[in-house]
């Protein structure tokens, strides 16, 4: 019998995986509300999107804007110690997609 892990990490992927599979495009502000609510509920690993061309996946076309909210999280964390990352974006799928992903990560 294998030993159970001492801890587990639950990662929220709805903003990336969930939204890419529906036709509705959720406004950026609603995504920010989702992030704030998930954080308030104790979620610390949240995938906010993926850097793919907006013409291919318009539901995730604002990933850079949503990721920019990460800069404000320092205020939310005031003195709190967390495990892992607060959230991260999905990987860029192409070299061209890596440019805005790198810029957004640097800004956050």
N, C-alpha and C. Protein backbone atom coordinates (compact mmCIF):
# COMPACT_ATOMS: atom_id res chain seq x y z
N UNK A 1 0.84 -1.18 0.00
CA UNK A 1 0.00 0.00 0.00
C UNK A 1 0.89 1.24 0.00
N UNK A 2 0.63 2.15 -0.91
CA UNK A 2 1.44 3.36 -0.99
C UNK A 2 1.00 4.38 0.05
N UNK A 3 1.95 5.19 0.44
CA UNK A 3 1.65 6.24 1.42
C UNK A 3 0.83 7.34 0.75
N UNK A 4 -0.06 7.91 1.48
CA UNK A 4 -0.85 9.03 0.98
C UNK A 4 0.00 10.29 1.01
N UNK A 5 -0.24 11.19 0.06
CA UNK A 5 0.52 12.44 0.09
C UNK A 5 0.13 13.25 1.31
N UNK A 6 1.06 14.03 1.80
CA UNK A 6 0.81 14.87 2.97
C UNK A 6 -0.10 16.04 2.62
N UNK A 7 -0.05 16.47 1.38
CA UNK A 7 -0.91 17.57 0.95
C UNK A 7 -1.22 17.40 -0.54
N UNK A 8 -2.27 18.04 -0.95
CA UNK A 8 -2.65 18.04 -2.35
C UNK A 8 -2.89 19.48 -2.78
N UNK A 9 -2.77 19.73 -4.05
CA UNK A 9 -3.03 21.05 -4.60
C UNK A 9 -4.18 20.92 -5.58
N UNK A 10 -5.17 21.74 -5.38
CA UNK A 10 -6.32 21.76 -6.29
C UNK A 10 -6.18 23.01 -7.15
N UNK A 11 -6.17 22.80 -8.45
CA UNK A 11 -6.00 23.91 -9.38
C UNK A 11 -7.31 24.20 -10.10
N UNK A 12 -7.73 25.46 -10.05
CA UNK A 12 -8.92 25.91 -10.77
C UNK A 12 -8.54 26.15 -12.22
N UNK A 13 -9.23 25.50 -13.15
CA UNK A 13 -8.93 25.67 -14.57
C UNK A 13 -10.12 26.17 -15.37
N UNK A 14 -11.19 26.56 -14.70
CA UNK A 14 -12.40 26.98 -15.38
C UNK A 14 -12.23 28.18 -16.29
N UNK A 15 -11.39 29.14 -15.87
CA UNK A 15 -11.19 30.33 -16.69
C UNK A 15 -10.45 30.00 -17.99
N UNK A 16 -9.71 28.93 -18.00
CA UNK A 16 -9.00 28.54 -19.20
C UNK A 16 -9.73 27.40 -19.90
N UNK A 17 -9.76 26.28 -19.27
CA UNK A 17 -10.32 25.07 -19.89
C UNK A 17 -11.83 25.16 -20.06
N UNK A 18 -12.51 25.68 -19.08
CA UNK A 18 -13.97 25.76 -19.13
C UNK A 18 -14.49 26.76 -20.14
N UNK A 19 -13.89 27.95 -20.16
CA UNK A 19 -14.40 28.99 -21.04
C UNK A 19 -14.05 28.77 -22.51
N UNK A 20 -12.99 28.01 -22.77
CA UNK A 20 -12.62 27.81 -24.17
C UNK A 20 -13.58 26.88 -24.90
N UNK A 21 -14.40 26.16 -24.15
CA UNK A 21 -15.28 25.18 -24.78
C UNK A 21 -16.72 25.66 -24.94
N UNK A 22 -16.98 26.93 -24.61
CA UNK A 22 -18.34 27.46 -24.78
C UNK A 22 -18.31 28.63 -25.75
N UNK A 23 -19.43 28.88 -26.38
CA UNK A 23 -19.50 29.95 -27.38
C UNK A 23 -19.54 31.34 -26.75
N UNK A 24 -20.06 31.45 -25.55
CA UNK A 24 -20.19 32.75 -24.88
C UNK A 24 -18.82 33.31 -24.53
N UNK A 25 -18.65 34.60 -24.77
CA UNK A 25 -17.41 35.28 -24.39
C UNK A 25 -17.69 36.06 -23.11
N UNK A 26 -17.10 35.63 -22.02
CA UNK A 26 -17.29 36.27 -20.73
C UNK A 26 -16.49 37.58 -20.70
N UNK A 27 -17.12 38.70 -20.34
CA UNK A 27 -16.39 39.97 -20.28
C UNK A 27 -15.22 39.90 -19.29
N UNK A 28 -14.19 40.66 -19.58
CA UNK A 28 -12.99 40.67 -18.74
C UNK A 28 -13.32 40.96 -17.28
N UNK A 29 -14.20 41.91 -17.03
CA UNK A 29 -14.54 42.24 -15.64
C UNK A 29 -15.17 41.06 -14.91
N UNK A 30 -15.97 40.28 -15.59
CA UNK A 30 -16.55 39.07 -14.98
C UNK A 30 -15.47 38.05 -14.65
N UNK A 31 -14.46 37.95 -15.50
CA UNK A 31 -13.34 37.04 -15.22
C UNK A 31 -12.58 37.51 -13.99
N UNK A 32 -12.42 38.82 -13.87
CA UNK A 32 -11.75 39.37 -12.68
C UNK A 32 -12.55 39.08 -11.42
N UNK A 33 -13.88 39.18 -11.52
CA UNK A 33 -14.74 38.83 -10.38
C UNK A 33 -14.55 37.35 -10.03
N UNK A 34 -14.50 36.50 -11.04
CA UNK A 34 -14.28 35.07 -10.84
C UNK A 34 -12.97 34.85 -10.06
N UNK A 35 -11.91 35.55 -10.48
CA UNK A 35 -10.62 35.42 -9.79
C UNK A 35 -10.72 35.87 -8.34
N UNK A 36 -11.34 37.02 -8.12
CA UNK A 36 -11.48 37.51 -6.74
C UNK A 36 -12.28 36.53 -5.88
N UNK A 37 -13.37 36.01 -6.44
CA UNK A 37 -14.20 35.06 -5.69
C UNK A 37 -13.46 33.76 -5.41
N UNK A 38 -12.72 33.28 -6.40
CA UNK A 38 -11.95 32.05 -6.21
C UNK A 38 -10.88 32.25 -5.14
N UNK A 39 -10.23 33.40 -5.18
CA UNK A 39 -9.23 33.71 -4.16
C UNK A 39 -9.87 33.79 -2.78
N UNK A 40 -11.00 34.47 -2.69
CA UNK A 40 -11.70 34.61 -1.41
C UNK A 40 -12.13 33.25 -0.86
N UNK A 41 -12.38 32.30 -1.76
CA UNK A 41 -12.79 30.96 -1.35
C UNK A 41 -11.59 30.09 -0.96
N UNK A 42 -10.39 30.63 -1.10
CA UNK A 42 -9.20 29.89 -0.69
C UNK A 42 -8.41 29.26 -1.82
N UNK A 43 -8.85 29.46 -3.05
CA UNK A 43 -8.14 28.89 -4.20
C UNK A 43 -6.85 29.66 -4.42
N UNK A 44 -5.75 28.95 -4.63
CA UNK A 44 -4.47 29.63 -4.82
C UNK A 44 -3.81 29.29 -6.15
N UNK A 45 -4.22 28.27 -6.81
CA UNK A 45 -3.69 27.95 -8.14
C UNK A 45 -4.83 28.06 -9.13
N UNK A 46 -4.75 29.06 -9.98
CA UNK A 46 -5.83 29.36 -10.92
C UNK A 46 -5.23 29.61 -12.29
N UNK A 47 -5.63 28.84 -13.26
CA UNK A 47 -5.18 29.07 -14.63
C UNK A 47 -6.14 30.07 -15.27
N UNK A 48 -5.61 31.22 -15.66
CA UNK A 48 -6.48 32.31 -16.10
C UNK A 48 -6.73 32.35 -17.59
N UNK A 49 -5.97 31.63 -18.37
CA UNK A 49 -6.18 31.67 -19.81
C UNK A 49 -5.05 31.01 -20.56
N UNK A 50 -5.03 31.28 -21.84
CA UNK A 50 -4.00 30.73 -22.70
C UNK A 50 -3.72 31.74 -23.80
N UNK A 51 -2.48 31.84 -24.19
CA UNK A 51 -2.09 32.79 -25.22
C UNK A 51 -2.17 32.14 -26.59
N UNK A 52 -3.36 32.19 -27.13
CA UNK A 52 -3.61 31.75 -28.50
C UNK A 52 -4.21 32.93 -29.24
N UNK A 53 -4.09 32.96 -30.56
CA UNK A 53 -4.68 34.09 -31.28
C UNK A 53 -6.17 34.23 -30.99
N UNK A 54 -6.60 35.45 -30.73
CA UNK A 54 -8.00 35.72 -30.40
C UNK A 54 -8.94 35.30 -31.53
N UNK A 55 -8.46 35.31 -32.75
CA UNK A 55 -9.31 34.89 -33.88
C UNK A 55 -9.61 33.39 -33.80
N UNK A 56 -8.72 32.63 -33.15
CA UNK A 56 -8.94 31.19 -33.01
C UNK A 56 -9.74 30.86 -31.75
N UNK A 57 -9.52 31.61 -30.70
CA UNK A 57 -10.17 31.33 -29.42
C UNK A 57 -10.54 32.66 -28.76
N UNK A 58 -11.58 33.31 -29.24
CA UNK A 58 -11.92 34.64 -28.74
C UNK A 58 -12.27 34.66 -27.24
N UNK A 59 -12.68 33.52 -26.70
CA UNK A 59 -13.02 33.46 -25.27
C UNK A 59 -11.80 33.77 -24.39
N UNK A 60 -10.59 33.56 -24.93
CA UNK A 60 -9.37 33.78 -24.16
C UNK A 60 -8.55 34.93 -24.71
N UNK A 61 -9.15 35.75 -25.55
CA UNK A 61 -8.45 36.86 -26.18
C UNK A 61 -7.98 37.94 -25.22
N UNK A 62 -8.49 37.94 -24.01
CA UNK A 62 -8.10 38.96 -23.03
C UNK A 62 -7.21 38.40 -21.91
N UNK A 63 -6.55 37.27 -22.17
CA UNK A 63 -5.71 36.65 -21.14
C UNK A 63 -4.68 37.62 -20.58
N UNK A 64 -4.07 38.45 -21.43
CA UNK A 64 -3.09 39.40 -20.93
C UNK A 64 -3.71 40.40 -19.96
N UNK A 65 -4.94 40.83 -20.23
CA UNK A 65 -5.62 41.77 -19.33
C UNK A 65 -5.99 41.09 -18.01
N UNK A 66 -6.44 39.86 -18.08
CA UNK A 66 -6.80 39.13 -16.87
C UNK A 66 -5.55 38.86 -16.04
N UNK A 67 -4.47 38.47 -16.72
CA UNK A 67 -3.22 38.21 -16.01
C UNK A 67 -2.69 39.46 -15.33
N UNK A 68 -2.96 40.63 -15.91
CA UNK A 68 -2.50 41.89 -15.31
C UNK A 68 -3.08 42.09 -13.91
N UNK A 69 -4.21 41.47 -13.63
CA UNK A 69 -4.80 41.59 -12.30
C UNK A 69 -3.88 41.00 -11.24
N UNK A 70 -3.00 40.11 -11.66
CA UNK A 70 -2.07 39.48 -10.71
C UNK A 70 -1.24 40.52 -9.97
N UNK A 71 -0.94 41.63 -10.61
CA UNK A 71 -0.15 42.68 -9.98
C UNK A 71 -0.86 43.24 -8.75
N UNK A 72 -2.18 43.18 -8.74
CA UNK A 72 -2.95 43.71 -7.61
C UNK A 72 -3.08 42.72 -6.46
N UNK A 73 -2.68 41.49 -6.70
CA UNK A 73 -2.87 40.44 -5.70
C UNK A 73 -2.01 40.66 -4.48
N UNK A 74 -0.92 41.37 -4.60
CA UNK A 74 -0.08 41.63 -3.44
C UNK A 74 -0.89 42.26 -2.32
N UNK A 75 -1.85 43.10 -2.68
CA UNK A 75 -2.71 43.71 -1.67
C UNK A 75 -3.57 42.65 -0.99
N UNK A 76 -4.05 41.68 -1.76
CA UNK A 76 -4.89 40.62 -1.20
C UNK A 76 -4.09 39.73 -0.26
N UNK A 77 -2.79 39.54 -0.57
CA UNK A 77 -1.97 38.60 0.19
C UNK A 77 -1.41 39.17 1.48
N UNK A 78 -1.55 40.44 1.71
CA UNK A 78 -0.97 41.14 2.85
C UNK A 78 -0.63 40.22 4.02
N UNK A 79 0.61 39.82 4.08
CA UNK A 79 1.09 39.01 5.20
C UNK A 79 0.75 37.54 5.13
N UNK A 80 0.03 37.10 4.13
CA UNK A 80 -0.37 35.70 4.06
C UNK A 80 0.70 34.86 3.38
N UNK A 81 0.95 33.69 3.91
CA UNK A 81 1.87 32.75 3.30
C UNK A 81 1.03 31.75 2.51
N UNK A 82 1.35 31.57 1.25
CA UNK A 82 0.57 30.65 0.43
C UNK A 82 1.45 29.54 -0.11
N UNK A 83 0.83 28.46 -0.50
CA UNK A 83 1.52 27.34 -1.12
C UNK A 83 1.42 27.50 -2.63
N UNK A 84 2.50 27.39 -3.32
CA UNK A 84 2.47 27.43 -4.77
C UNK A 84 2.19 28.82 -5.31
N UNK A 85 1.74 28.86 -6.52
CA UNK A 85 1.47 30.13 -7.18
C UNK A 85 0.04 30.54 -6.94
N UNK A 86 -0.24 31.80 -7.11
CA UNK A 86 -1.62 32.22 -7.00
C UNK A 86 -2.38 31.79 -8.25
N UNK A 87 -1.82 32.03 -9.40
CA UNK A 87 -2.39 31.50 -10.63
C UNK A 87 -1.35 31.60 -11.72
N UNK A 88 -1.65 30.96 -12.81
CA UNK A 88 -0.76 31.08 -13.96
C UNK A 88 -1.58 30.91 -15.23
N UNK A 89 -1.06 31.46 -16.28
CA UNK A 89 -1.73 31.34 -17.57
C UNK A 89 -1.29 30.04 -18.24
N UNK A 90 -2.09 29.61 -19.19
CA UNK A 90 -1.70 28.44 -19.96
C UNK A 90 -0.48 28.75 -20.82
N UNK A 91 0.16 27.74 -21.28
CA UNK A 91 1.35 27.91 -22.10
C UNK A 91 1.01 28.47 -23.47
N UNK A 92 1.89 29.31 -23.99
CA UNK A 92 1.68 29.77 -25.36
C UNK A 92 1.86 28.60 -26.32
N UNK A 93 1.04 28.56 -27.35
CA UNK A 93 1.06 27.43 -28.28
C UNK A 93 2.07 27.58 -29.41
N UNK A 94 2.49 28.81 -29.68
CA UNK A 94 3.44 29.05 -30.77
C UNK A 94 4.47 30.07 -30.32
N UNK A 95 5.53 30.20 -31.11
CA UNK A 95 6.54 31.21 -30.81
C UNK A 95 5.93 32.60 -30.81
N UNK A 96 5.07 32.89 -31.79
CA UNK A 96 4.43 34.21 -31.85
C UNK A 96 3.58 34.47 -30.63
N UNK A 97 2.94 33.45 -30.10
CA UNK A 97 2.11 33.61 -28.90
C UNK A 97 2.98 33.84 -27.67
N UNK A 98 4.23 33.43 -27.72
CA UNK A 98 5.12 33.59 -26.57
C UNK A 98 5.43 35.05 -26.31
N UNK A 99 5.41 35.87 -27.34
CA UNK A 99 5.72 37.30 -27.14
C UNK A 99 4.74 37.99 -26.19
N UNK A 100 3.41 37.94 -26.46
CA UNK A 100 2.50 38.58 -25.51
C UNK A 100 2.46 37.87 -24.16
N UNK A 101 2.70 36.56 -24.16
CA UNK A 101 2.72 35.83 -22.88
C UNK A 101 3.87 36.31 -22.03
N UNK A 102 5.03 36.50 -22.63
CA UNK A 102 6.20 36.98 -21.89
C UNK A 102 5.98 38.41 -21.41
N UNK A 103 5.41 39.24 -22.25
CA UNK A 103 5.15 40.63 -21.86
C UNK A 103 4.14 40.70 -20.72
N UNK A 104 3.09 39.89 -20.79
CA UNK A 104 2.08 39.90 -19.72
C UNK A 104 2.65 39.38 -18.42
N UNK A 105 3.48 38.35 -18.49
CA UNK A 105 4.08 37.80 -17.27
C UNK A 105 5.03 38.81 -16.65
N UNK A 106 5.77 39.53 -17.46
CA UNK A 106 6.69 40.55 -16.93
C UNK A 106 5.94 41.69 -16.28
N UNK A 107 4.80 42.06 -16.85
CA UNK A 107 4.00 43.14 -16.28
C UNK A 107 3.34 42.73 -14.98
N UNK A 108 3.05 41.44 -14.84
CA UNK A 108 2.40 40.96 -13.61
C UNK A 108 3.45 40.80 -12.56
